[in-house]
Amino acid sequence: MEDDLPQRPIENKSNLGIQDYLSIGYMFLLVLGVVHETIYYKFLGVNILDYSSVLDVLISPIAVMTGNLVLGLAVVFSMILAYTFVKLTPKYHNWLRKKAKYQSGKNKLKLEKADAKFKKKNAVVTMIAFYVFSVFIGLGIGSGHKTKQRIETNDYKITHQLTFDDGNAQNIKMLGKNSLYVFYVIKGNPEVIIAPIEGNIKMIKKLNKDNN
C-alpha cells in the first residue's frame, strides 16, 4: 500500500534565485566597502567606524565606488577580466590536452583537476568575487599609504574650502567625509583633523585647480 502513495518531489534547496544572488552580492560589497574604508583611514590614524553612522555603513559600497573613479572602473574591469578568464581557461586546457606531456600521468591528472574547477557551476561568481575583493583591498592599502606619505611630506594640493557657522573659512585638503564628519589636513600641519558637520560647517566648496 505504501508503494502506491504518490511521492512528493524532492525540493532542491540549493537553488538560489536572482533576489538571493543580489542580496548576497550586496552583503559582499557591504563588507568590502567597510573593510576598504577601515584600511584607508587606518593609515591616517583614524578608526573610521568610530565616526560612522549606520547609514554610512549601509551605503559604504556605493559611496566608495562613486567617490573613487579609479576604484569604480577597476571593479568593473576586474569583473570583466574574471569572467573572461573563467570562460577562456577551459579552451586553453583543451589546447594543452593535445600536447604529449598532458595525455597521461600526473600532468593529465593535474590538468583534469584544474579543468574541473573552472567548469563548476559557480566558478564565474567565485572568480569575480576574488578579483573584486583583491581590487578593494589592494586600492585601500595603496591609496591609504600614498595619502599618508603625501601628508608627511606636505606634497599635496588644496582641494576644498570649508566655511564654518561662525563665518570663518579655511582651505583644506579633503581626505574624506561621511554624513557626520569631514576628515582633512591643512598645509604645514600633518595632523588629520576630524570636524563634525552638523552645527559646525555651513558650506563645503570644491576648489578649482586654478585656485591652488
Protein backbone atom coordinates (compact mmCIF):
# COMPACT_ATOMS: atom_id res chain seq x y z
CA MET A 1 0.00 0.00 0.00
CA GLU A 2 2.80 2.42 0.88
CA ASP A 3 4.33 1.95 -2.56
CA ASP A 4 1.11 3.18 -4.14
CA LEU A 5 1.22 6.52 -2.33
CA PRO A 6 2.26 9.43 -4.53
CA GLN A 7 5.83 10.51 -3.91
CA ARG A 8 6.49 14.18 -3.27
CA PRO A 9 9.19 15.64 -5.46
CA ILE A 10 12.42 16.39 -3.61
CA GLU A 11 12.96 20.11 -3.48
CA ASN A 12 16.38 21.34 -4.36
CA LYS A 13 17.02 23.86 -1.63
CA SER A 14 20.39 24.75 -3.03
CA ASN A 15 18.95 26.65 -5.97
CA LEU A 16 19.21 30.39 -5.49
CA GLY A 17 17.06 32.95 -7.23
CA ILE A 18 18.09 36.32 -8.61
CA GLN A 19 16.95 38.03 -5.42
CA ASP A 20 19.16 35.73 -3.36
CA TYR A 21 22.20 36.47 -5.50
CA LEU A 22 21.51 40.22 -5.30
CA SER A 23 21.26 40.03 -1.51
CA ILE A 24 24.46 38.02 -1.21
CA GLY A 25 26.19 40.37 -3.66
CA TYR A 26 25.14 43.43 -1.69
CA MET A 27 26.32 41.93 1.60
CA PHE A 28 29.64 41.05 -0.05
CA LEU A 29 30.08 44.61 -1.32
CA LEU A 30 28.96 45.97 2.05
CA VAL A 31 31.74 44.09 3.83
CA LEU A 32 34.28 45.14 1.20
CA GLY A 33 33.20 48.78 1.45
CA VAL A 34 33.65 48.79 5.22
CA VAL A 35 36.99 46.96 5.03
CA HIS A 36 38.28 49.33 2.31
CA GLU A 37 37.33 52.41 4.34
CA THR A 38 38.80 50.91 7.52
CA ILE A 39 42.13 50.15 5.84
CA TYR A 40 42.34 53.57 4.14
CA TYR A 41 41.64 55.59 7.29
CA LYS A 42 43.82 53.31 9.42
CA PHE A 43 46.84 54.61 7.50
CA LEU A 44 45.74 58.11 8.56
CA GLY A 45 45.47 57.12 12.21
CA VAL A 46 41.66 57.20 12.22
CA ASN A 47 39.26 54.44 13.23
CA ILE A 48 36.51 55.31 10.76
CA LEU A 49 33.95 53.06 12.44
CA ASP A 50 34.02 55.36 15.48
CA TYR A 51 32.87 58.23 13.26
CA SER A 52 30.33 56.41 11.06
CA SER A 53 26.57 56.18 11.35
CA VAL A 54 24.53 53.12 10.41
CA LEU A 55 23.61 54.86 7.17
CA ASP A 56 27.29 55.43 6.33
CA VAL A 57 27.94 51.70 6.75
CA LEU A 58 24.94 50.67 4.66
CA ILE A 59 25.87 52.90 1.72
CA SER A 60 29.62 52.35 2.04
CA PRO A 61 29.95 50.20 -1.14
CA ILE A 62 28.14 52.82 -3.25
CA ALA A 63 29.95 55.73 -1.60
CA VAL A 64 33.36 54.11 -2.09
CA MET A 65 32.84 53.28 -5.78
CA THR A 66 31.17 56.56 -6.75
CA GLY A 67 33.61 58.64 -4.73
CA ASN A 68 36.66 56.98 -6.26
CA LEU A 69 36.54 56.82 -10.06
CA VAL A 70 39.65 54.63 -10.23
CA LEU A 71 38.13 52.09 -7.85
CA GLY A 72 34.80 52.06 -9.69
CA LEU A 73 36.47 51.46 -13.05
CA ALA A 74 38.82 48.88 -11.52
CA VAL A 75 35.86 46.92 -10.10
CA VAL A 76 34.08 46.87 -13.47
CA PHE A 77 37.29 45.90 -15.29
CA SER A 78 38.07 43.15 -12.74
CA MET A 79 34.59 41.64 -13.19
CA ILE A 80 35.03 41.55 -16.96
CA LEU A 81 38.53 40.14 -16.60
CA ALA A 82 37.40 37.43 -14.16
CA TYR A 83 34.52 36.39 -16.41
CA THR A 84 36.80 36.25 -19.46
CA PHE A 85 39.43 34.28 -17.55
CA VAL A 86 36.96 31.62 -16.44
CA LYS A 87 35.48 31.25 -19.94
CA LEU A 88 38.81 31.11 -21.80
CA THR A 89 40.74 28.86 -19.41
CA PRO A 90 38.88 25.63 -20.39
CA LYS A 91 39.75 26.36 -24.03
CA TYR A 92 43.37 26.71 -23.03
CA HIS A 93 43.12 23.38 -21.21
CA ASN A 94 41.71 21.76 -24.34
CA TRP A 95 44.73 23.05 -26.25
CA LEU A 96 47.09 21.60 -23.63
CA ARG A 97 45.44 18.19 -23.95
CA LYS A 98 46.85 17.95 -27.45
CA LYS A 99 50.36 18.08 -26.02
CA ALA A 100 52.01 14.72 -25.40
CA LYS A 101 53.07 15.56 -21.83
CA TYR A 102 49.41 16.15 -20.79
CA GLN A 103 47.96 12.95 -22.26
CA SER A 104 48.99 10.65 -19.41
CA GLY A 105 50.44 10.54 -15.91
CA LYS A 106 50.49 13.27 -13.26
CA ASN A 107 50.25 16.11 -15.76
CA LYS A 108 47.00 14.73 -17.11
CA LEU A 109 45.53 14.41 -13.60
CA LYS A 110 46.56 17.97 -12.70
CA LEU A 111 45.01 19.29 -15.89
CA GLU A 112 41.76 17.40 -15.26
CA LYS A 113 41.54 18.75 -11.69
CA ALA A 114 42.23 22.32 -12.84
CA ASP A 115 39.69 21.99 -15.64
CA ALA A 116 37.03 20.67 -13.24
CA LYS A 117 37.41 23.77 -11.04
CA PHE A 118 36.71 26.11 -13.95
CA LYS A 119 33.69 24.07 -15.09
CA LYS A 120 31.90 24.23 -11.74
CA LYS A 121 28.55 25.99 -11.71
CA ASN A 122 29.69 28.84 -9.50
CA ALA A 123 33.19 29.22 -10.97
CA VAL A 124 32.39 32.60 -12.56
CA VAL A 125 30.85 34.00 -9.37
CA THR A 126 33.75 32.76 -7.25
CA MET A 127 36.39 34.24 -9.57
CA ILE A 128 34.58 37.59 -9.82
CA ALA A 129 34.32 37.74 -6.02
CA PHE A 130 38.05 37.04 -5.70
CA TYR A 131 39.01 39.70 -8.24
CA VAL A 132 36.71 42.36 -6.73
CA PHE A 133 37.98 41.52 -3.23
CA SER A 134 41.57 41.97 -4.42
CA VAL A 135 40.74 45.34 -6.01
CA PHE A 136 39.04 46.73 -2.90
CA ILE A 137 41.77 45.61 -0.53
CA GLY A 138 44.64 46.49 -2.85
CA LEU A 139 43.42 50.01 -3.58
CA GLY A 140 42.55 50.56 0.08
CA ILE A 141 46.15 49.80 1.06
CA GLY A 142 47.62 51.68 -1.90
CA SER A 143 45.58 54.87 -1.52
CA GLY A 144 45.98 54.90 2.26
CA HIS A 145 49.75 54.51 2.08
CA LYS A 146 50.11 57.09 -0.69
CA THR A 147 47.95 59.64 1.13
CA LYS A 148 49.92 59.15 4.34
CA GLN A 149 53.20 59.76 2.52
CA ARG A 150 51.91 62.94 0.90
CA ILE A 151 50.71 64.28 4.24
CA GLU A 152 54.06 63.58 5.88
CA THR A 153 55.98 65.30 3.06
CA ASN A 154 53.43 68.10 2.66
CA ASP A 155 53.19 67.10 -1.01
CA TYR A 156 49.52 67.68 -1.80
CA LYS A 157 47.20 70.27 -3.25
CA ILE A 158 44.39 72.13 -1.52
CA THR A 159 41.08 70.73 -2.75
CA HIS A 160 38.24 72.33 -0.75
CA GLN A 161 37.23 75.35 1.27
CA LEU A 162 35.25 74.92 4.47
CA THR A 163 33.01 77.72 5.68
CA PHE A 164 32.11 77.34 9.34
CA ASP A 165 28.94 78.51 11.05
CA ASP A 166 30.82 81.41 12.66
CA GLY A 167 31.74 82.75 9.19
CA ASN A 168 35.39 81.70 9.21
CA ALA A 169 36.69 79.95 6.09
CA GLN A 170 39.61 77.57 5.72
CA ASN A 171 41.28 76.00 2.68
CA ILE A 172 41.95 72.31 3.20
CA LYS A 173 42.99 69.06 1.61
CA MET A 174 39.92 66.83 1.84
CA LEU A 175 40.79 63.27 2.83
CA GLY A 176 37.20 62.08 3.01
CA LYS A 177 33.83 62.69 4.57
CA ASN A 178 30.63 60.94 5.54
CA SER A 179 27.26 62.09 6.80
CA LEU A 180 28.67 63.19 10.16
CA TYR A 181 32.29 64.29 9.79
CA VAL A 182 34.85 65.81 7.44
CA PHE A 183 38.41 64.48 7.51
CA TYR A 184 41.10 66.86 6.29
CA VAL A 185 44.56 68.37 6.68
CA ILE A 186 45.84 71.90 6.25
CA LYS A 187 49.14 72.93 4.70
CA GLY A 188 52.11 72.68 7.02
CA ASN A 189 50.30 70.54 9.59
CA PRO A 190 50.46 66.72 9.22
CA GLU A 191 47.75 66.17 11.82
CA VAL A 192 44.49 64.78 10.44
CA ILE A 193 41.59 66.97 11.59
CA ILE A 194 38.14 65.50 12.16
CA ALA A 195 35.41 68.13 12.11
CA PRO A 196 31.71 67.46 12.76
CA ILE A 197 29.40 68.77 10.04
CA GLU A 198 26.19 69.43 11.95
CA GLY A 199 26.23 72.67 13.89
CA ASN A 200 29.78 73.41 12.76
CA ILE A 201 30.25 73.51 8.99
CA LYS A 202 28.00 75.72 6.90
CA MET A 203 29.40 75.03 3.44
CA ILE A 204 31.89 72.73 1.71
CA LYS A 205 33.17 74.19 -1.54
CA LYS A 206 35.34 72.30 -4.01
CA LEU A 207 38.13 74.50 -5.35
CA ASN A 208 39.21 74.63 -8.97
CA LYS A 209 42.77 73.72 -9.89
CA ASP A 210 43.40 77.37 -10.70
CA ASN A 211 42.83 78.25 -7.05
CA ASN A 212 45.82 76.19 -5.90
